[in-house]
Protein backbone atom coordinates (compact mmCIF):
# COMPACT_ATOMS: atom_id res chain seq x y z
CA MET A 1 -71.13 -6.94 -31.17
CA LEU A 2 -67.81 -6.57 -32.96
CA VAL A 3 -68.66 -2.97 -33.84
CA SER A 4 -69.38 -2.11 -30.21
CA PHE A 5 -66.02 -3.61 -29.19
CA PHE A 6 -64.15 -1.35 -31.60
CA SER A 7 -66.21 1.71 -30.67
CA ASP A 8 -65.45 1.02 -26.98
CA LEU A 9 -61.79 0.61 -27.86
CA LEU A 10 -61.74 3.97 -29.66
CA ARG A 11 -63.50 5.75 -26.80
CA SER A 12 -61.14 4.34 -24.13
CA ALA A 13 -57.74 5.82 -23.38
CA PRO A 14 -54.95 4.51 -25.64
CA TRP A 15 -53.34 2.50 -22.83
CA GLU A 16 -56.53 0.86 -21.65
CA ILE A 17 -57.92 -2.29 -23.13
CA PRO A 18 -61.59 -3.13 -22.39
CA GLY A 19 -61.74 -6.07 -20.04
CA GLY A 20 -59.71 -4.62 -17.20
CA ARG A 21 -56.12 -5.13 -18.38
CA THR A 22 -53.76 -2.22 -18.72
CA ALA A 23 -51.17 -2.17 -21.45
CA VAL A 24 -47.93 -0.26 -20.85
CA SER A 25 -45.45 0.60 -23.55
CA THR A 26 -41.93 -0.76 -23.24
CA GLN A 27 -40.63 2.79 -23.45
CA LEU A 28 -42.45 3.64 -20.23
CA LEU A 29 -41.23 0.45 -18.55
CA HIS A 30 -37.60 1.25 -19.31
CA ALA A 31 -37.90 4.97 -18.53
CA PRO A 32 -36.32 4.66 -15.03
CA LEU A 33 -33.18 3.30 -16.72
CA ASP A 34 -32.96 6.18 -19.18
CA LEU A 35 -31.31 9.19 -17.55
CA ALA A 36 -32.69 11.60 -20.15
CA VAL A 37 -36.26 10.74 -19.16
CA ASN A 38 -35.70 11.38 -15.45
CA GLY A 39 -35.49 15.11 -15.90
CA PRO A 40 -33.11 17.85 -14.81
CA ALA A 41 -32.64 16.47 -11.27
CA SER A 42 -31.08 13.23 -12.53
CA ARG A 43 -27.70 14.89 -13.10
CA TYR A 44 -27.71 16.32 -9.58
CA ILE A 45 -28.66 12.93 -8.11
CA ARG A 46 -25.90 11.20 -10.10
CA GLU A 47 -23.29 13.78 -8.99
CA THR A 48 -24.42 13.54 -5.36
CA SER A 49 -24.18 9.76 -5.55
CA ILE A 50 -20.61 9.99 -6.86
CA GLU A 51 -19.65 12.42 -4.10
CA LEU A 52 -21.20 10.16 -1.47
CA LEU A 53 -19.28 7.15 -2.80
CA ASP A 54 -16.06 9.18 -2.71
CA TYR A 55 -16.77 10.14 0.91
CA GLU A 56 -17.48 6.51 1.86
CA THR A 57 -14.30 5.41 0.08
CA GLU A 58 -12.27 7.96 2.05
CA GLU A 59 -13.77 6.70 5.31
CA LEU A 60 -12.96 3.11 4.32
CA ALA A 61 -9.39 4.13 3.48
CA ALA A 62 -8.99 5.87 6.84
CA LEU A 63 -10.22 2.73 8.61
CA ARG A 64 -7.81 0.59 6.59
CA PHE A 65 -4.94 2.90 7.50
CA SER A 66 -5.90 2.71 11.19
CA ILE A 67 -6.13 -1.09 11.05
CA ILE A 68 -2.67 -1.45 9.52
CA LEU A 69 -1.10 0.98 11.97
CA THR A 70 -2.84 -0.51 15.03
CA ALA A 71 -1.88 -4.04 13.97
CA ARG A 72 1.77 -3.01 13.74
CA TRP A 73 1.68 -1.35 17.16
CA ALA A 74 -0.08 -4.36 18.69
CA ALA A 75 2.67 -6.63 17.34
CA SER A 76 5.48 -4.28 18.38
CA GLU A 77 7.87 -5.35 21.08
CA ASP A 78 8.32 -1.69 22.04
CA GLU A 79 4.84 -1.54 23.59
CA PRO A 80 4.18 -2.87 27.11
CA PRO A 81 1.99 -6.03 27.29
CA GLU A 82 -1.04 -4.25 28.77
CA ARG A 83 -0.91 -1.62 26.02
CA ARG A 84 -0.62 -4.35 23.38
CA ALA A 85 -3.72 -6.02 24.80
CA GLU A 86 -5.58 -2.69 24.54
CA LEU A 87 -4.41 -2.29 20.97
CA ARG A 88 -5.62 -5.80 20.06
CA GLU A 89 -9.09 -4.95 21.43
CA GLU A 90 -9.10 -1.70 19.48
CA LEU A 91 -7.94 -3.57 16.38
CA GLU A 92 -10.91 -5.93 16.66
CA LEU A 93 -13.30 -2.97 16.87
CA LEU A 94 -11.67 -1.31 13.86
CA ARG A 95 -12.01 -4.50 11.81
CA GLN A 96 -15.69 -4.78 12.73
CA HIS A 97 -16.23 -1.14 11.77
CA TYR A 98 -14.40 -1.76 8.47
CA GLY A 99 -16.69 -4.69 7.67
CA ASP A 100 -19.74 -2.63 8.60
CA LYS A 101 -18.58 0.17 6.31
CA VAL A 102 -18.19 -2.28 3.40
CA ASP A 103 -21.71 -3.58 4.12
CA GLU A 104 -23.04 -0.02 4.19
CA ILE A 105 -21.47 0.69 0.79
CA ALA A 106 -22.99 -2.55 -0.56
CA MET A 107 -26.45 -1.61 0.68
CA THR A 108 -26.21 1.90 -0.73
CA PHE A 109 -24.38 1.36 -4.04
CA GLY A 110 -24.63 -2.38 -4.69
CA VAL A 111 -22.45 -5.38 -3.93
CA GLN A 112 -20.30 -5.07 -7.05
CA ARG A 113 -19.46 -1.44 -6.30
CA ALA A 114 -18.63 -2.35 -2.67
CA ILE A 115 -16.26 -5.11 -3.80
CA GLU A 116 -14.58 -2.76 -6.28
CA THR A 117 -14.23 -0.06 -3.61
CA GLN A 118 -12.81 -2.48 -1.06
CA ASN A 119 -10.28 -3.83 -3.59
CA GLN A 120 -9.26 -0.29 -4.55
CA VAL A 121 -8.75 0.69 -0.90
CA GLU A 122 -6.77 -2.47 -0.11
CA ARG A 123 -4.51 -1.87 -3.13
CA THR A 124 -3.86 1.81 -2.52
CA VAL A 125 -3.67 2.31 1.26
CA ILE A 126 -0.15 1.75 2.51
CA VAL A 127 1.60 2.67 5.73
CA PRO A 128 5.37 3.16 5.68
CA ARG A 129 7.23 0.72 7.92
CA ASN A 130 8.94 3.44 9.94
CA VAL A 131 5.72 5.15 11.13
CA LYS A 132 5.62 5.21 14.93
CA PRO A 133 3.35 6.96 17.42
CA ILE A 134 4.32 10.60 17.76
CA PRO A 135 5.32 11.51 21.30
CA ILE A 136 3.54 14.58 22.59
CA LYS A 137 5.65 17.19 24.38
CA ILE A 138 4.15 19.87 26.58
CA ASP A 139 6.48 22.21 28.46
CA GLY A 140 9.41 19.93 27.68
CA ARG A 141 7.75 16.85 29.20
CA ASN A 142 6.72 13.77 27.17
CA TYR A 143 3.11 12.63 27.48
CA ALA A 144 1.43 9.52 26.21
CA GLU A 145 -2.03 9.68 24.64
CA GLU A 146 -3.51 8.12 27.79
CA ASP A 147 -2.09 10.91 29.97
CA LEU A 148 -3.94 13.49 27.89
CA GLY A 149 -7.18 11.53 27.70
CA LEU A 150 -6.89 10.94 23.93
């Protein structure tokens, strides 16, 4: 009986154990974590991931810039009350989009990376105090963005 067990063991594949259980080496289990095992595409995937995170960070920074600028315009006494109300509505939409973008980064790259990215953007994006909307002149006449459908 013992001899037949060992002969069955020798005839079976090295990772199979008679009795239905499969043994897996720890090297195979940790292979997805080892970049050298993944093959030549792993470098491309890693570089693409970095580029995608950079793109998402730029979008988050642009949203942050827009939020700061819109908040200043909404609080400005230079704007008429109806325009300030419009700006407050737009500001709310921008803030929602900003939160959605942070969530998207968290789902794609992980929560820790999203927190780091958000902190980086909030530290680095600044808007000078003297930035005002640029008046648009066409044929010597001033136009607001609303007049041009922008």
